[in-house]
């Protein structure tokens, strides 16, 4: 939570910087990247701060992993903020000045720390249950997809570093050598508003973002179903909600896979081709069918249970008929 508080302060500072500091990198404010990273770490860090105390096994180990993640977050985002304040690039910067060379080594150690801590938390979640089945599966799948999203960050360095290095200008017009990029098939820069994702080629930041914040989407789905279950009787069965959460996980994982495949083919998110639309249609169908069958079966069971004379005369009966 100390890290979350610091990142929240960064969001405020970077937000102000967008308006009072006119320096730009690739036609975007130098404070845009610190702002995006600050918001992302507030969301992910707050989720971990809530999750880790819920785990009953290996509590000291989980505390240590949470602390390692927080420290790595400070290192990772701290370097991004320092480079932004200097008016230069944090990612892919191969300039030979001493500050940048040392900073890049520290920066990479933070990336490894974030990935390693998240991977170990994901593995340990496989052997623990948190709350009921819907929440447990939401957390396991969310952390798992977040790890895959982080892995893409390492993958795109190797993938895009095969391209020739290029020289760009920093906020002061000085040359900066970049080796690697987020884009596939098109150089970084001049993308969508706010996200800056490429509109002319593939961009691996899209699946990276989708994977990284899957846990928030899944937990929100669990909370929504839990709230609805107070009014909708057929949703009160744990198994029903677990299956519906499973459908959400399946569809979201399909979205992650499609956007990763789309980016690797050098295709912009906003310019899908027929193959991408076909993959989307298949994902929607594969997701909708089990969800629909679960809903139909649950509603039929609910009607049968509450028909006059359908309930047994002895003992309580829960929603699942046990």
Protein backbone atom coordinates (compact mmCIF):
# COMPACT_ATOMS: atom_id res chain seq x y z
CA UNK A 1 0.00 0.00 0.00
CA UNK A 2 3.01 2.28 0.43
CA UNK A 3 3.77 1.64 -3.23
CA UNK A 4 0.12 2.28 -4.16
CA UNK A 5 0.21 5.59 -2.26
CA UNK A 6 3.40 6.61 -4.06
CA UNK A 7 1.94 5.68 -7.43
CA UNK A 8 -1.21 7.63 -6.62
CA UNK A 9 0.95 10.69 -5.93
CA UNK A 10 2.72 10.06 -9.24
CA UNK A 11 -0.63 10.06 -11.05
CA UNK A 12 -1.36 13.52 -9.63
CA UNK A 13 2.11 14.90 -10.44
CA UNK A 14 2.13 13.44 -13.95
CA UNK A 15 -1.42 14.68 -14.55
CA UNK A 16 -0.34 18.20 -13.69
CA UNK A 17 2.77 17.75 -15.82
CA UNK A 18 0.64 17.06 -18.88
CA UNK A 19 -0.63 20.63 -18.74
CA UNK A 20 2.28 22.63 -17.36
CA UNK A 21 5.23 20.93 -19.10
CA UNK A 22 5.27 21.34 -22.87
CA UNK A 23 8.11 18.91 -23.55
CA UNK A 24 7.25 15.99 -25.85
CA UNK A 25 8.61 12.64 -26.99
CA UNK A 26 7.22 11.41 -30.33
CA UNK A 27 4.48 14.06 -30.24
CA UNK A 28 3.30 12.97 -26.80
CA UNK A 29 3.86 14.64 -23.42
CA UNK A 30 6.87 13.30 -21.54
CA UNK A 31 4.52 12.73 -18.59
CA UNK A 32 2.09 10.49 -20.49
CA UNK A 33 4.08 7.31 -19.83
CA UNK A 34 4.60 7.95 -16.08
CA UNK A 35 0.87 8.70 -15.80
CA UNK A 36 -0.12 5.42 -17.48
CA UNK A 37 2.31 3.38 -15.41
CA UNK A 38 1.15 5.11 -12.24
CA UNK A 39 -2.50 4.27 -12.91
CA UNK A 40 -1.63 0.68 -13.82
CA UNK A 41 0.41 0.11 -10.66
CA UNK A 42 -2.27 1.66 -8.46
CA UNK A 43 -4.79 -0.85 -9.82
CA UNK A 44 -2.53 -3.90 -9.74
CA UNK A 45 -0.84 -3.03 -6.44
CA UNK A 46 -4.14 -2.42 -4.64
CA UNK A 47 -5.40 -5.78 -5.93
CA UNK A 48 -2.35 -7.58 -4.55
CA UNK A 49 -2.58 -5.68 -1.25
CA UNK A 50 -6.13 -6.99 -0.86
CA UNK A 51 -5.37 -10.49 -2.15
CA UNK A 52 -2.25 -11.50 -0.22
CA UNK A 53 -3.72 -11.21 3.30
CA UNK A 54 -6.57 -13.51 2.21
CA UNK A 55 -4.18 -16.40 1.63
CA UNK A 56 -3.84 -18.81 4.55
CA UNK A 57 -0.84 -20.88 3.47
CA UNK A 58 2.77 -19.67 3.44
CA UNK A 59 1.77 -16.25 4.74
CA UNK A 60 5.36 -15.12 5.32
CA UNK A 61 6.36 -16.18 1.82
CA UNK A 62 3.42 -14.34 0.31
CA UNK A 63 4.26 -11.24 2.38
CA UNK A 64 7.83 -11.43 1.06
CA UNK A 65 6.60 -11.76 -2.53
CA UNK A 66 4.29 -8.78 -2.10
CA UNK A 67 7.18 -6.74 -0.70
CA UNK A 68 9.43 -7.84 -3.58
CA UNK A 69 6.77 -6.74 -6.06
CA UNK A 70 6.44 -3.34 -4.38
CA UNK A 71 10.22 -2.77 -4.36
CA UNK A 72 10.50 -3.83 -8.01
CA UNK A 73 7.62 -1.47 -8.82
CA UNK A 74 9.46 1.43 -7.22
CA UNK A 75 12.59 0.58 -9.24
CA UNK A 76 10.77 0.08 -12.53
CA UNK A 77 8.51 3.13 -12.45
CA UNK A 78 11.13 5.23 -10.70
CA UNK A 79 13.46 4.94 -13.67
CA UNK A 80 10.63 5.78 -16.05
CA UNK A 81 9.87 8.95 -14.05
CA UNK A 82 13.54 9.98 -13.89
CA UNK A 83 13.99 9.55 -17.63
CA UNK A 84 10.79 11.47 -18.31
CA UNK A 85 11.98 14.32 -16.11
CA UNK A 86 15.24 14.29 -18.10
CA UNK A 87 13.21 14.55 -21.29
CA UNK A 88 14.41 11.25 -22.73
CA UNK A 89 13.32 7.65 -23.26
CA UNK A 90 13.25 4.90 -20.65
CA UNK A 91 12.41 1.97 -22.95
CA UNK A 92 14.80 0.69 -25.67
CA UNK A 93 17.26 3.53 -25.00
CA UNK A 94 20.80 2.41 -25.94
CA UNK A 95 22.61 5.73 -25.54
CA UNK A 96 26.08 5.21 -24.12
CA UNK A 97 26.09 7.91 -21.45
CA UNK A 98 26.88 6.50 -18.02
CA UNK A 99 23.57 7.48 -16.39
CA UNK A 100 21.51 5.71 -19.04
CA UNK A 101 23.70 2.60 -19.12
CA UNK A 102 23.53 2.10 -15.35
CA UNK A 103 19.85 3.05 -15.29
CA UNK A 104 18.98 0.47 -17.94
CA UNK A 105 20.55 -2.31 -15.85
CA UNK A 106 18.56 -1.20 -12.79
CA UNK A 107 15.42 -0.87 -14.92
CA UNK A 108 15.73 -4.42 -16.23
CA UNK A 109 16.21 -5.76 -12.70
CA UNK A 110 12.90 -4.17 -11.77
CA UNK A 111 11.17 -5.82 -14.72
CA UNK A 112 12.56 -9.23 -13.73
CA UNK A 113 11.47 -8.67 -10.13
CA UNK A 114 7.91 -7.80 -11.13
CA UNK A 115 7.61 -10.85 -13.36
CA UNK A 116 9.24 -13.23 -10.88
CA UNK A 117 7.12 -12.14 -7.92
CA UNK A 118 3.89 -12.35 -9.95
CA UNK A 119 4.81 -15.78 -11.33
CA UNK A 120 5.46 -17.22 -7.86
CA UNK A 121 2.21 -15.74 -6.52
CA UNK A 122 0.34 -17.30 -9.46
CA UNK A 123 1.88 -20.72 -8.78
CA UNK A 124 1.10 -20.57 -5.05
CA UNK A 125 -2.50 -19.57 -5.79
CA UNK A 126 -2.96 -22.93 -7.50
CA UNK A 127 -2.68 -24.63 -4.12
CA UNK A 128 -4.94 -22.31 -2.15
CA UNK A 129 -8.58 -21.40 -2.14
CA UNK A 130 -9.69 -17.81 -1.58
CA UNK A 131 -13.36 -17.45 -0.72
CA UNK A 132 -15.81 -19.41 -2.84
CA UNK A 133 -15.15 -21.17 -6.14
CA UNK A 134 -16.00 -18.20 -8.42
CA UNK A 135 -13.55 -15.90 -6.63
CA UNK A 136 -10.83 -18.54 -6.43
CA UNK A 137 -10.94 -19.23 -10.16
CA UNK A 138 -11.14 -15.52 -10.96
CA UNK A 139 -7.98 -14.83 -8.97
CA UNK A 140 -6.07 -17.80 -10.35
CA UNK A 141 -6.94 -16.99 -13.95
CA UNK A 142 -6.39 -13.26 -13.42
CA UNK A 143 -2.91 -13.65 -11.96
CA UNK A 144 -2.07 -16.24 -14.64
CA UNK A 145 -3.06 -13.95 -17.50
CA UNK A 146 -1.26 -11.04 -15.81
CA UNK A 147 1.94 -13.11 -15.82
CA UNK A 148 1.46 -13.86 -19.53
CA UNK A 149 0.90 -10.15 -20.14
CA UNK A 150 4.15 -9.36 -18.33
CA UNK A 151 5.95 -12.06 -20.29
CA UNK A 152 5.01 -10.23 -23.47
CA UNK A 153 7.03 -7.27 -22.23
CA UNK A 154 10.15 -9.45 -22.32
CA UNK A 155 9.12 -11.12 -25.57
CA UNK A 156 8.71 -7.91 -27.53
CA UNK A 157 12.24 -6.79 -26.62
CA UNK A 158 13.65 -9.85 -28.36
CA UNK A 159 11.06 -9.80 -31.14
CA UNK A 160 11.45 -6.17 -32.12
CA UNK A 161 15.18 -5.91 -31.41
CA UNK A 162 15.73 -7.83 -34.63
CA UNK A 163 14.89 -4.61 -36.44
CA UNK A 164 17.68 -2.15 -37.12
CA UNK A 165 18.36 0.50 -34.46
CA UNK A 166 16.94 3.91 -35.19
CA UNK A 167 17.74 7.42 -34.06
CA UNK A 168 15.05 9.72 -32.70
CA UNK A 169 15.11 13.03 -30.86
CA UNK A 170 14.60 13.60 -27.16
CA UNK A 171 12.57 16.49 -25.74
CA UNK A 172 15.48 18.87 -26.40
CA UNK A 173 16.22 17.75 -29.94
CA UNK A 174 19.24 15.64 -29.00
CA UNK A 175 19.72 12.30 -30.79
CA UNK A 176 18.74 9.12 -28.95
CA UNK A 177 19.44 5.61 -30.23
CA UNK A 178 16.60 3.12 -29.78
CA UNK A 179 16.90 -0.63 -30.29
CA UNK A 180 13.53 -2.37 -30.24
CA UNK A 181 10.00 -1.02 -30.02
CA UNK A 182 6.47 -1.87 -28.97
CA UNK A 183 5.21 -1.94 -32.54
CA UNK A 184 5.37 -4.68 -35.13
CA UNK A 185 5.49 -3.58 -38.74
CA UNK A 186 5.38 0.13 -37.91
CA UNK A 187 7.54 2.40 -35.73
CA UNK A 188 6.29 3.63 -32.37
CA UNK A 189 4.74 7.08 -32.21
CA UNK A 190 1.65 8.82 -33.52
CA UNK A 191 -0.82 6.29 -32.19
CA UNK A 192 -4.21 6.39 -30.49
CA UNK A 193 -5.09 9.10 -27.99
CA UNK A 194 -4.08 8.37 -24.36
CA UNK A 195 -2.80 4.80 -24.97
CA UNK A 196 -0.63 5.74 -28.00
CA UNK A 197 -1.22 2.24 -29.40
CA UNK A 198 -0.31 2.08 -33.08
CA UNK A 199 -2.99 2.78 -35.68
CA UNK A 200 -0.81 1.69 -38.60
CA UNK A 201 0.72 -1.60 -37.42
CA UNK A 202 0.73 -4.21 -34.67
CA UNK A 203 1.31 -3.14 -31.08
CA UNK A 204 2.23 -5.63 -28.35
CA UNK A 205 1.16 -3.18 -25.67
CA UNK A 206 -2.46 -4.08 -26.43
CA UNK A 207 -2.34 -7.74 -25.23
CA UNK A 208 0.12 -6.67 -22.51
CA UNK A 209 -2.49 -4.29 -21.08
CA UNK A 210 -5.34 -6.77 -21.50
CA UNK A 211 -3.45 -9.54 -19.72
CA UNK A 212 -2.07 -7.35 -16.96
CA UNK A 213 -5.48 -6.10 -15.84
CA UNK A 214 -7.47 -9.29 -16.33
CA UNK A 215 -7.62 -9.90 -12.59
CA UNK A 216 -9.57 -6.68 -12.06
CA UNK A 217 -12.05 -7.65 -14.78
CA UNK A 218 -12.58 -11.13 -13.31
CA UNK A 219 -13.02 -9.88 -9.74
CA UNK A 220 -15.54 -7.30 -10.95
CA UNK A 221 -17.44 -10.09 -12.72
CA UNK A 222 -17.54 -12.06 -9.45
CA UNK A 223 -18.75 -9.01 -7.52
CA UNK A 224 -21.44 -8.27 -10.11
CA UNK A 225 -22.75 -11.85 -10.01
CA UNK A 226 -22.71 -11.80 -6.20
CA UNK A 227 -24.76 -8.60 -6.10
CA UNK A 228 -27.20 -9.93 -8.71
CA UNK A 229 -27.58 -13.14 -6.72
CA UNK A 230 -29.27 -11.18 -3.93
CA UNK A 231 -32.14 -10.50 -6.33
CA UNK A 232 -31.94 -13.31 -8.87
CA UNK A 233 -32.63 -16.61 -7.14
CA UNK A 234 -31.12 -18.92 -9.75
CA UNK A 235 -27.74 -17.15 -9.37
CA UNK A 236 -27.43 -18.12 -5.71
CA UNK A 237 -25.84 -21.45 -6.47
CA UNK A 238 -22.04 -21.29 -6.18
CA UNK A 239 -21.62 -23.72 -9.06
CA UNK A 240 -23.76 -21.56 -11.36
CA UNK A 241 -21.73 -18.44 -10.62
CA UNK A 242 -18.48 -20.37 -10.99
CA UNK A 243 -19.49 -21.57 -14.46
CA UNK A 244 -20.48 -18.05 -15.53
CA UNK A 245 -17.18 -16.69 -14.26
CA UNK A 246 -15.50 -19.48 -16.22
CA UNK A 247 -17.25 -18.24 -19.37
CA UNK A 248 -15.96 -14.71 -18.70
CA UNK A 249 -12.43 -16.08 -18.22
CA UNK A 250 -12.69 -18.08 -21.44
CA UNK A 251 -13.86 -15.10 -23.47
CA UNK A 252 -11.28 -12.75 -22.00
CA UNK A 253 -8.47 -15.24 -22.58
CA UNK A 254 -9.65 -15.47 -26.18
CA UNK A 255 -9.47 -11.66 -26.45
CA UNK A 256 -5.92 -11.74 -25.09
CA UNK A 257 -4.89 -14.41 -27.60
CA UNK A 258 -6.55 -12.62 -30.53
CA UNK A 259 -4.92 -9.26 -29.79
CA UNK A 260 -1.51 -10.92 -29.34
CA UNK A 261 -1.93 -12.79 -32.63
CA UNK A 262 -3.13 -9.62 -34.32
CA UNK A 263 -0.15 -7.61 -33.06
CA UNK A 264 2.39 -10.24 -34.08
CA UNK A 265 0.96 -10.15 -37.60
CA UNK A 266 1.65 -6.41 -37.72
CA UNK A 267 -2.03 -5.51 -37.66
CA UNK A 268 -3.41 -2.52 -35.79
CA UNK A 269 -6.13 -3.06 -33.21
CA UNK A 270 -8.40 -0.67 -35.12
CA UNK A 271 -7.85 -2.32 -38.51
CA UNK A 272 -8.89 -5.98 -38.06
CA UNK A 273 -8.99 -8.19 -41.14
CA UNK A 274 -11.37 -11.04 -41.98
CA UNK A 275 -9.25 -13.59 -40.09
CA UNK A 276 -9.36 -11.49 -36.94
CA UNK A 277 -13.13 -11.04 -37.19
CA UNK A 278 -13.50 -14.79 -37.68
CA UNK A 279 -11.46 -15.43 -34.54
CA UNK A 280 -13.63 -12.94 -32.64
CA UNK A 281 -16.78 -14.70 -33.85
CA UNK A 282 -15.46 -18.10 -32.76
CA UNK A 283 -14.50 -16.71 -29.34
CA UNK A 284 -17.93 -15.15 -28.84
CA UNK A 285 -19.63 -18.41 -29.80
CA UNK A 286 -17.41 -20.57 -27.60
CA UNK A 287 -18.04 -18.20 -24.70
CA UNK A 288 -21.76 -17.63 -25.21
CA UNK A 289 -22.77 -21.28 -25.61
CA UNK A 290 -21.63 -22.55 -22.18
CA UNK A 291 -22.87 -19.35 -20.53
CA UNK A 292 -26.29 -19.72 -22.14
CA UNK A 293 -26.54 -23.43 -21.28
CA UNK A 294 -25.61 -22.67 -17.66
CA UNK A 295 -28.27 -19.97 -17.42
CA UNK A 296 -30.97 -22.14 -19.02
CA UNK A 297 -30.19 -25.11 -16.76
CA UNK A 298 -30.10 -22.93 -13.63
CA UNK A 299 -33.42 -21.29 -14.41
CA UNK A 300 -35.04 -24.66 -15.19
CA UNK A 301 -33.75 -26.08 -11.92
CA UNK A 302 -35.03 -23.05 -10.03
CA UNK A 303 -38.51 -23.43 -11.52
CA UNK A 304 -38.64 -27.12 -10.64
CA UNK A 305 -37.46 -26.54 -7.09
CA UNK A 306 -40.07 -23.92 -6.38
CA UNK A 307 -43.07 -25.58 -8.00
CA UNK A 308 -45.85 -26.36 -5.51
CA UNK A 309 -45.13 -29.76 -3.98
CA UNK A 310 -41.69 -29.99 -5.55
CA UNK A 311 -39.77 -29.45 -2.31
CA UNK A 312 -39.32 -32.39 0.06
CA UNK A 313 -41.17 -32.21 3.35
CA UNK A 314 -38.17 -32.88 5.58
CA UNK A 315 -34.94 -31.01 6.05
CA UNK A 316 -33.72 -27.81 4.41
CA UNK A 317 -32.93 -27.76 0.70
CA UNK A 318 -30.34 -25.40 -0.75
CA UNK A 319 -30.53 -23.87 -4.21
CA UNK A 320 -28.65 -26.75 -5.86
CA UNK A 321 -31.21 -29.22 -4.51
CA UNK A 322 -28.88 -30.87 -2.00
